[in-house]
Protein backbone atom coordinates (compact mmCIF):
# COMPACT_ATOMS: atom_id res chain seq x y z
CA MET A 1 6.13 -0.49 46.41
CA ALA A 2 7.04 -1.02 42.77
CA SER A 3 4.59 -2.86 40.58
CA ASN A 4 5.39 -5.92 38.52
CA PHE A 5 3.30 -4.49 35.69
CA VAL A 6 5.09 -2.72 32.85
CA ALA A 7 3.33 -0.42 30.40
CA VAL A 8 5.08 0.40 27.14
CA PHE A 9 4.02 3.88 26.07
CA ASP A 10 3.74 4.56 22.36
CA ALA A 11 4.25 8.01 20.83
CA CYS A 12 0.48 8.50 20.52
CA VAL A 13 0.11 8.61 24.33
CA LEU A 14 3.35 10.49 24.97
CA TYR A 15 2.74 13.42 22.66
CA PRO A 16 -0.59 14.84 23.91
CA ALA A 17 0.55 16.46 27.17
CA PRO A 18 -2.65 15.77 29.19
CA ILE A 19 -2.57 12.03 28.47
CA ARG A 20 1.19 11.82 29.07
CA ASP A 21 0.89 13.71 32.36
CA LEU A 22 -1.92 11.49 33.61
CA LEU A 23 -0.13 8.27 32.73
CA LEU A 24 3.18 9.40 34.20
CA ARG A 25 1.45 10.51 37.41
CA LEU A 26 -0.11 7.05 37.68
CA ALA A 27 3.27 5.44 37.08
CA VAL A 28 4.82 7.52 39.86
CA THR A 29 2.26 6.08 42.29
CA GLY A 30 3.70 2.62 41.61
CA LEU A 31 0.61 1.31 39.81
CA PHE A 32 2.82 0.24 36.90
CA ARG A 33 6.28 0.92 35.45
CA ALA A 34 6.31 3.15 32.38
CA ARG A 35 8.73 2.32 29.59
CA TRP A 36 9.37 3.42 26.00
CA SER A 37 12.14 2.84 23.52
CA GLU A 38 14.57 5.36 22.04
CA ARG A 39 12.72 5.02 18.73
CA ILE A 40 9.38 5.87 20.40
CA HIS A 41 11.09 8.78 22.16
CA ASP A 42 12.32 10.13 18.83
CA GLU A 43 8.78 9.97 17.40
CA TRP A 44 7.15 12.22 19.98
CA ILE A 45 9.92 14.72 20.72
CA PRO A 46 9.55 17.86 18.55
CA GLY A 47 12.27 17.82 15.93
CA GLY A 48 12.68 14.06 16.28
CA SER A 49 14.02 11.99 13.43
CA ALA A 50 10.73 10.18 12.66
């Protein structure tokens, strides 16, 4: 069952792999829905524009 809760992930939780993995695993369980913007995505991807 999908949760009504939405968590917006910032680059500071997406970049360290252990934190990102934990949070994404929790999101997969349906505890919350993980979201981030294209700008946040660009910040944490190596070689991003930020």
